[in-house]
Amino acid sequence: MEALQIIIGLNVANLKNHTIQNKISKLKIDILNIQDLNPNRETQIANLFKQLGGEKVQTNLREVLEEENQITLACCEHNDQVIGIASMCTYKVISRKKGWIEDVVVDEQYRGQGIGRKLMEKLLEEGKKKGLTEILLFTEDHRIPAIRLYLDLDFKLKESQIYTLKICHRR
């Protein structure tokens, strides 16, 4: 994994589940590269991605992490188990360079412990390094804890309309 590595210690007083409290002392958050993928990690990420629910279908991770696809994927692991991910796509338009955050998910057993915040902070740090002028994100209305997190990180609800057009159906 990239040399940038954040090791975070959780405040055990804030942990909900006592059994998890005893198991967790440090978590590792890294930016994954295509070289970091192996079948086990890909399966773990696919299983975690399913927790987003809805109609989302995961794209092949190797395709996502190819160099020409400007994706930054933050990954949180504990004891070699993927417990959280967040992705940011970067792109240039005529007026500036932007980022777009999606697919922020923490395993249900580990939610409410600040892992989502650390993943987001890692992506924001990467955005600053890349010289982004603005970072947008999408979340669904029912994801109240996530919305609170984004507002706490100083994201503002943009007075805008987003339209979508499905070009083709996935196989």
Protein backbone atom coordinates (compact mmCIF):
# COMPACT_ATOMS: atom_id res chain seq x y z
CA MET A 1 0.00 0.00 0.00
CA GLU A 2 1.00 3.60 -0.45
CA ALA A 3 3.53 4.89 2.06
CA LEU A 4 0.88 7.25 3.41
CA GLN A 5 -0.55 5.31 6.26
CA ILE A 6 -2.68 6.52 9.11
CA ILE A 7 -2.90 4.41 12.21
CA ILE A 8 -5.75 5.60 14.38
CA GLY A 9 -6.48 4.66 17.94
CA LEU A 10 -10.14 4.60 18.93
CA ASN A 11 -11.35 6.07 22.17
CA VAL A 12 -12.60 2.87 23.76
CA ALA A 13 -14.96 4.80 26.03
CA ASN A 14 -16.99 5.68 22.93
CA LEU A 15 -17.33 2.13 21.63
CA LYS A 16 -20.85 0.71 21.66
CA ASN A 17 -20.08 -2.99 21.78
CA HIS A 18 -17.91 -4.26 24.64
CA THR A 19 -16.67 -7.28 22.67
CA ILE A 20 -15.55 -5.03 19.83
CA GLN A 21 -14.02 -2.69 22.42
CA ASN A 22 -11.70 -5.45 23.61
CA LYS A 23 -10.69 -6.46 20.08
CA ILE A 24 -9.87 -3.07 18.63
CA SER A 25 -6.83 -1.14 19.63
CA LYS A 26 -5.66 0.27 16.29
CA LEU A 27 -7.09 0.50 12.82
CA LYS A 28 -5.20 1.07 9.60
CA ILE A 29 -6.49 3.42 6.88
CA ASP A 30 -4.67 3.33 3.56
CA ILE A 31 -5.18 4.46 0.01
CA LEU A 32 -5.44 1.29 -2.08
CA ASN A 33 -3.69 0.91 -5.41
CA ILE A 34 -4.32 -1.78 -8.01
CA GLN A 35 -1.22 -3.62 -6.73
CA ASP A 36 -2.87 -3.93 -3.30
CA LEU A 37 -5.73 -6.04 -4.63
CA ASN A 38 -5.88 -9.76 -4.02
CA PRO A 39 -8.87 -12.12 -4.19
CA ASN A 40 -9.43 -12.01 -0.43
CA ARG A 41 -9.43 -8.20 -0.22
CA GLU A 42 -11.65 -7.94 -3.33
CA THR A 43 -14.19 -10.33 -1.76
CA GLN A 44 -14.16 -8.40 1.52
CA ILE A 45 -14.74 -5.10 -0.28
CA ALA A 46 -17.56 -6.64 -2.36
CA ASN A 47 -19.26 -7.91 0.81
CA LEU A 48 -18.90 -4.52 2.48
CA PHE A 49 -20.21 -2.72 -0.61
CA LYS A 50 -23.42 -4.79 -0.44
CA GLN A 51 -24.19 -3.09 2.88
CA LEU A 52 -24.92 0.12 0.94
CA GLY A 53 -28.08 -1.62 -0.23
CA GLY A 54 -30.36 -0.32 -2.93
CA GLU A 55 -29.73 -0.84 -6.62
CA LYS A 56 -25.99 -0.21 -6.55
CA VAL A 57 -23.86 -2.83 -8.28
CA GLN A 58 -20.12 -2.87 -7.68
CA THR A 59 -17.85 -2.37 -10.67
CA ASN A 60 -14.76 -4.54 -11.12
CA LEU A 61 -12.20 -3.10 -8.66
CA ARG A 62 -9.26 -3.60 -11.01
CA GLU A 63 -11.02 -1.49 -13.65
CA VAL A 64 -11.87 1.15 -11.06
CA LEU A 65 -8.26 1.47 -9.88
CA GLU A 66 -6.67 1.67 -13.34
CA GLU A 67 -4.49 4.75 -13.71
CA GLU A 68 -6.60 6.54 -16.30
CA ASN A 69 -9.59 6.28 -13.97
CA GLN A 70 -8.93 9.00 -11.41
CA ILE A 71 -10.21 7.14 -8.35
CA THR A 72 -8.86 7.35 -4.83
CA LEU A 73 -10.07 4.47 -2.66
CA ALA A 74 -9.59 4.78 1.09
CA CYS A 75 -9.78 1.49 2.96
CA CYS A 76 -9.92 0.79 6.70
CA GLU A 77 -8.76 -2.61 7.92
CA HIS A 78 -8.67 -4.30 11.29
CA ASN A 79 -6.84 -7.63 11.66
CA ASP A 80 -6.64 -7.98 7.86
CA GLN A 81 -10.42 -7.55 7.58
CA VAL A 82 -11.80 -4.66 5.47
CA ILE A 83 -14.25 -2.78 7.70
CA GLY A 84 -14.69 0.49 5.80
CA ILE A 85 -14.21 2.06 2.37
CA ALA A 86 -14.75 5.43 0.72
CA SER A 87 -14.03 6.51 -2.85
CA MET A 88 -13.35 9.82 -4.54
CA CYS A 89 -13.20 10.47 -8.27
CA THR A 90 -11.22 13.50 -9.43
CA TYR A 91 -11.83 15.31 -12.67
CA LYS A 92 -11.13 18.58 -14.45
CA VAL A 93 -13.65 20.92 -15.98
CA ILE A 94 -12.93 24.21 -17.72
CA SER A 95 -13.17 26.22 -14.51
CA ARG A 96 -11.45 24.00 -11.95
CA LYS A 97 -10.40 20.60 -10.66
CA LYS A 98 -13.02 18.79 -8.58
CA GLY A 99 -13.57 15.67 -6.56
CA TRP A 100 -16.70 13.58 -6.13
CA ILE A 101 -17.09 11.32 -3.10
CA GLU A 102 -19.36 8.27 -3.14
CA ASP A 103 -19.61 4.78 -1.71
CA VAL A 104 -18.68 5.61 1.88
CA VAL A 105 -19.52 2.52 3.91
CA VAL A 106 -18.46 1.11 7.26
CA ASP A 107 -19.30 -2.45 8.29
CA GLU A 108 -22.48 -2.51 10.39
CA GLN A 109 -20.60 -3.96 13.39
CA TYR A 110 -18.16 -1.02 13.47
CA ARG A 111 -20.47 1.95 12.84
CA GLY A 112 -20.66 4.85 15.27
CA GLN A 113 -16.96 4.68 16.19
CA GLY A 114 -15.53 7.45 14.00
CA ILE A 115 -14.29 5.22 11.19
CA GLY A 116 -16.41 6.98 8.55
CA ARG A 117 -14.96 10.31 9.71
CA LYS A 118 -11.39 9.01 9.42
CA LEU A 119 -12.08 7.67 5.91
CA MET A 120 -13.56 11.03 4.89
CA GLU A 121 -10.65 12.95 6.43
CA LYS A 122 -8.24 10.75 4.47
CA LEU A 123 -10.05 11.55 1.21
CA LEU A 124 -10.14 15.27 2.03
CA GLU A 125 -6.40 15.19 2.75
CA GLU A 126 -5.82 13.50 -0.62
CA GLY A 127 -8.04 16.10 -2.31
CA LYS A 128 -5.89 18.91 -0.92
CA LYS A 129 -2.72 17.17 -2.14
CA LYS A 130 -4.25 16.89 -5.63
CA GLY A 131 -5.10 20.59 -5.67
CA LEU A 132 -8.85 20.15 -5.86
CA THR A 133 -10.86 23.36 -5.61
CA GLU A 134 -14.14 21.69 -4.66
CA ILE A 135 -15.31 18.30 -3.45
CA LEU A 136 -18.88 17.20 -3.99
CA LEU A 137 -20.55 14.17 -2.54
CA PHE A 138 -23.74 12.23 -2.95
CA THR A 139 -25.70 10.54 -0.23
CA GLU A 140 -29.23 9.30 0.04
CA ASP A 141 -31.78 11.16 2.19
CA HIS A 142 -32.29 8.26 4.62
CA ARG A 143 -28.60 8.10 5.61
CA ILE A 144 -29.04 10.48 8.55
CA PRO A 145 -25.80 9.61 10.44
CA ALA A 146 -23.79 10.09 7.22
CA ILE A 147 -25.47 13.44 6.55
CA ARG A 148 -24.60 14.59 10.08
CA LEU A 149 -20.98 13.57 9.48
CA TYR A 150 -20.78 15.48 6.19
CA LEU A 151 -22.28 18.61 7.75
CA ASP A 152 -19.85 18.29 10.66
CA LEU A 153 -16.99 18.16 8.13
CA ASP A 154 -18.29 21.51 6.74
CA PHE A 155 -19.98 20.15 3.62
CA LYS A 156 -22.94 22.33 2.65
CA LEU A 157 -26.12 21.24 0.90
CA LYS A 158 -25.74 22.68 -2.57
CA GLU A 159 -28.67 24.58 -4.06
CA SER A 160 -28.61 22.61 -7.25
CA GLN A 161 -30.40 19.95 -9.18
CA ILE A 162 -28.68 16.78 -10.20
CA TYR A 163 -30.08 14.90 -13.15
CA THR A 164 -29.26 11.39 -14.22
CA LEU A 165 -29.59 9.51 -17.48
CA LYS A 166 -28.93 5.78 -17.56
CA ILE A 167 -26.97 5.10 -20.75
CA CYS A 168 -26.84 1.32 -20.69
CA HIS A 169 -27.79 -1.52 -18.42
CA ARG A 170 -25.15 -3.48 -16.59
CA ARG A 171 -24.83 -7.18 -17.33
